[in-house]
Amino acid sequence: MIFSNPSGAPELACDQCGCRWFDRMANVCYECGAAVTPENLAEIEAALAAFAARNATASAINPVPGQPPQP
């Protein structure tokens, strides 16, 4: 399961219990022990790539956050 954190970045959550904490050494959820599947990993990689692409576009349009875009 993928959700967006308050800053808009994607985060992986457990498909079984919704927990966001994973044992990265064993690739399992800390809460329920469900395995992180290859499909989960592919889903988060795609979401992260899309997020990075959106941020790169936004940075190219307005490279200094909080400042108006330059002509």
N, C-alpha and C. Protein backbone atom coordinates (compact mmCIF):
# COMPACT_ATOMS: atom_id res chain seq x y z
N MET A 1 0.85 -1.16 0.00
CA MET A 1 0.00 0.00 0.00
C MET A 1 0.91 1.23 0.00
N ILE A 2 0.59 2.19 -0.83
CA ILE A 2 1.35 3.44 -0.91
C ILE A 2 0.43 4.57 -0.44
N PHE A 3 0.97 5.45 0.36
CA PHE A 3 0.24 6.66 0.75
C PHE A 3 1.21 7.82 0.68
N SER A 4 0.70 9.03 0.72
CA SER A 4 1.54 10.23 0.69
C SER A 4 1.65 10.80 2.09
N ASN A 5 2.89 11.12 2.48
CA ASN A 5 3.08 11.75 3.79
C ASN A 5 2.71 13.23 3.67
N PRO A 6 2.72 13.99 4.76
CA PRO A 6 2.30 15.39 4.70
C PRO A 6 3.07 16.26 3.70
N SER A 7 4.31 15.90 3.39
CA SER A 7 5.06 16.68 2.40
C SER A 7 4.79 16.23 0.98
N GLY A 8 3.95 15.19 0.83
CA GLY A 8 3.59 14.71 -0.50
C GLY A 8 4.44 13.56 -1.00
N ALA A 9 5.45 13.16 -0.24
CA ALA A 9 6.31 12.05 -0.66
C ALA A 9 5.60 10.71 -0.43
N PRO A 10 5.79 9.76 -1.33
CA PRO A 10 5.16 8.46 -1.14
C PRO A 10 5.87 7.65 -0.05
N GLU A 11 5.07 6.87 0.68
CA GLU A 11 5.62 5.97 1.69
C GLU A 11 4.93 4.62 1.54
N LEU A 12 5.68 3.58 1.84
CA LEU A 12 5.15 2.23 1.79
C LEU A 12 4.52 1.88 3.13
N ALA A 13 3.35 1.28 3.08
CA ALA A 13 2.68 0.79 4.28
C ALA A 13 2.35 -0.68 4.06
N CYS A 14 2.25 -1.41 5.13
CA CYS A 14 1.96 -2.84 5.08
C CYS A 14 0.56 -3.07 4.49
N ASP A 15 0.48 -4.02 3.56
CA ASP A 15 -0.82 -4.36 2.97
C ASP A 15 -1.74 -5.03 3.98
N GLN A 16 -1.18 -5.67 4.99
CA GLN A 16 -1.99 -6.42 5.95
C GLN A 16 -2.53 -5.54 7.08
N CYS A 17 -1.66 -4.70 7.68
CA CYS A 17 -2.09 -3.95 8.86
C CYS A 17 -1.98 -2.43 8.71
N GLY A 18 -1.35 -1.95 7.64
CA GLY A 18 -1.23 -0.51 7.42
C GLY A 18 -0.05 0.13 8.12
N CYS A 19 0.72 -0.66 8.86
CA CYS A 19 1.91 -0.15 9.56
C CYS A 19 2.92 0.39 8.55
N ARG A 20 3.67 1.41 8.94
CA ARG A 20 4.69 1.99 8.07
C ARG A 20 6.09 1.61 8.50
N TRP A 21 6.24 0.68 9.43
CA TRP A 21 7.54 0.31 9.95
C TRP A 21 7.92 -1.08 9.47
N PHE A 22 9.09 -1.17 8.84
CA PHE A 22 9.54 -2.43 8.28
C PHE A 22 10.94 -2.76 8.76
N ASP A 23 11.17 -4.05 8.96
CA ASP A 23 12.51 -4.56 9.23
C ASP A 23 13.17 -4.72 7.86
N ARG A 24 14.09 -3.83 7.55
CA ARG A 24 14.71 -3.84 6.22
C ARG A 24 15.68 -4.98 6.03
N MET A 25 16.17 -5.55 7.11
CA MET A 25 17.07 -6.70 7.00
C MET A 25 16.30 -7.96 6.61
N ALA A 26 15.10 -8.11 7.14
CA ALA A 26 14.29 -9.30 6.87
C ALA A 26 13.16 -9.04 5.88
N ASN A 27 12.94 -7.76 5.51
CA ASN A 27 11.86 -7.36 4.61
C ASN A 27 10.49 -7.82 5.10
N VAL A 28 10.21 -7.52 6.37
CA VAL A 28 8.91 -7.84 6.95
C VAL A 28 8.41 -6.64 7.76
N CYS A 29 7.09 -6.59 7.94
CA CYS A 29 6.46 -5.56 8.75
C CYS A 29 6.78 -5.81 10.22
N TYR A 30 7.14 -4.77 10.95
CA TYR A 30 7.41 -4.91 12.39
C TYR A 30 6.14 -5.27 13.16
N GLU A 31 5.00 -4.75 12.73
CA GLU A 31 3.76 -4.94 13.48
C GLU A 31 3.20 -6.35 13.35
N CYS A 32 3.04 -6.82 12.10
CA CYS A 32 2.36 -8.11 11.91
C CYS A 32 3.25 -9.19 11.30
N GLY A 33 4.43 -8.83 10.82
CA GLY A 33 5.34 -9.82 10.26
C GLY A 33 5.09 -10.16 8.81
N ALA A 34 4.17 -9.45 8.15
CA ALA A 34 3.89 -9.71 6.73
C ALA A 34 5.12 -9.37 5.89
N ALA A 35 5.36 -10.19 4.88
CA ALA A 35 6.51 -9.98 4.00
C ALA A 35 6.28 -8.80 3.06
N VAL A 36 7.35 -8.11 2.76
CA VAL A 36 7.34 -7.08 1.72
C VAL A 36 7.59 -7.81 0.41
N THR A 37 6.63 -7.77 -0.48
CA THR A 37 6.72 -8.54 -1.72
C THR A 37 7.48 -7.76 -2.80
N PRO A 38 7.95 -8.46 -3.82
CA PRO A 38 8.57 -7.76 -4.94
C PRO A 38 7.62 -6.75 -5.59
N GLU A 39 6.33 -7.07 -5.58
CA GLU A 39 5.33 -6.14 -6.12
C GLU A 39 5.26 -4.86 -5.29
N ASN A 40 5.34 -5.00 -3.95
CA ASN A 40 5.38 -3.83 -3.07
C ASN A 40 6.58 -2.96 -3.40
N LEU A 41 7.73 -3.60 -3.56
CA LEU A 41 8.96 -2.85 -3.86
C LEU A 41 8.87 -2.14 -5.21
N ALA A 42 8.30 -2.82 -6.21
CA ALA A 42 8.14 -2.19 -7.53
C ALA A 42 7.18 -1.02 -7.44
N GLU A 43 6.12 -1.17 -6.66
CA GLU A 43 5.13 -0.09 -6.49
C GLU A 43 5.76 1.14 -5.84
N ILE A 44 6.55 0.96 -4.80
CA ILE A 44 7.16 2.11 -4.13
C ILE A 44 8.23 2.74 -5.01
N GLU A 45 8.98 1.92 -5.75
CA GLU A 45 9.99 2.47 -6.67
C GLU A 45 9.33 3.36 -7.74
N ALA A 46 8.21 2.89 -8.29
CA ALA A 46 7.49 3.69 -9.29
C ALA A 46 6.95 4.98 -8.68
N ALA A 47 6.40 4.89 -7.48
CA ALA A 47 5.87 6.09 -6.82
C ALA A 47 6.98 7.08 -6.50
N LEU A 48 8.13 6.58 -6.07
CA LEU A 48 9.27 7.47 -5.78
C LEU A 48 9.80 8.13 -7.05
N ALA A 49 9.85 7.38 -8.15
CA ALA A 49 10.31 7.94 -9.42
C ALA A 49 9.35 9.05 -9.89
N ALA A 50 8.06 8.81 -9.77
CA ALA A 50 7.07 9.82 -10.16
C ALA A 50 7.19 11.06 -9.28
N PHE A 51 7.38 10.85 -7.99
CA PHE A 51 7.55 11.98 -7.07
C PHE A 51 8.79 12.78 -7.42
N ALA A 52 9.90 12.10 -7.70
CA ALA A 52 11.14 12.78 -8.07
C ALA A 52 10.97 13.57 -9.37
N ALA A 53 10.25 12.99 -10.33
CA ALA A 53 10.02 13.68 -11.60
C ALA A 53 9.18 14.94 -11.39
N ARG A 54 8.14 14.83 -10.55
CA ARG A 54 7.32 16.02 -10.26
C ARG A 54 8.15 17.10 -9.58
N ASN A 55 9.00 16.72 -8.65
CA ASN A 55 9.83 17.70 -7.95
C ASN A 55 10.88 18.31 -8.85
N ALA A 56 11.43 17.52 -9.77
CA ALA A 56 12.41 18.05 -10.72
C ALA A 56 11.76 19.09 -11.62
N THR A 57 10.55 18.82 -12.06
CA THR A 57 9.82 19.78 -12.90
C THR A 57 9.52 21.04 -12.12
N ALA A 58 9.08 20.90 -10.88
CA ALA A 58 8.78 22.06 -10.05
C ALA A 58 10.04 22.87 -9.78
N SER A 59 11.17 22.20 -9.56
CA SER A 59 12.43 22.90 -9.31
C SER A 59 12.91 23.64 -10.54
N ALA A 60 12.67 23.07 -11.71
CA ALA A 60 13.09 23.73 -12.95
C ALA A 60 12.26 24.99 -13.19
N ILE A 61 10.99 24.94 -12.83
CA ILE A 61 10.11 26.09 -13.00
C ILE A 61 10.42 27.16 -11.97
N ASN A 62 10.65 26.76 -10.74
CA ASN A 62 10.88 27.69 -9.64
C ASN A 62 12.01 27.14 -8.77
N PRO A 63 13.28 27.41 -9.15
CA PRO A 63 14.41 26.80 -8.46
C PRO A 63 14.61 27.22 -7.02
N VAL A 64 14.05 28.37 -6.61
CA VAL A 64 14.21 28.83 -5.22
C VAL A 64 12.83 28.83 -4.56
N PRO A 65 12.57 27.84 -3.69
CA PRO A 65 11.27 27.81 -3.03
C PRO A 65 10.99 29.11 -2.28
N GLY A 66 9.76 29.57 -2.39
CA GLY A 66 9.36 30.78 -1.69
C GLY A 66 9.62 32.05 -2.49
N GLN A 67 10.31 31.93 -3.58
CA GLN A 67 10.58 33.08 -4.44
C GLN A 67 9.75 32.97 -5.71
N PRO A 68 9.36 34.11 -6.28
CA PRO A 68 8.58 34.04 -7.53
C PRO A 68 9.44 33.49 -8.66
N PRO A 69 8.82 32.78 -9.62
CA PRO A 69 9.58 32.26 -10.76
C PRO A 69 10.27 33.39 -11.55
N GLN A 70 11.42 33.07 -12.06
CA GLN A 70 12.15 34.04 -12.87
C GLN A 70 11.69 33.95 -14.32
N PRO A 71 11.62 35.08 -15.01
CA PRO A 71 11.16 35.06 -16.43
C PRO A 71 12.16 34.39 -17.34
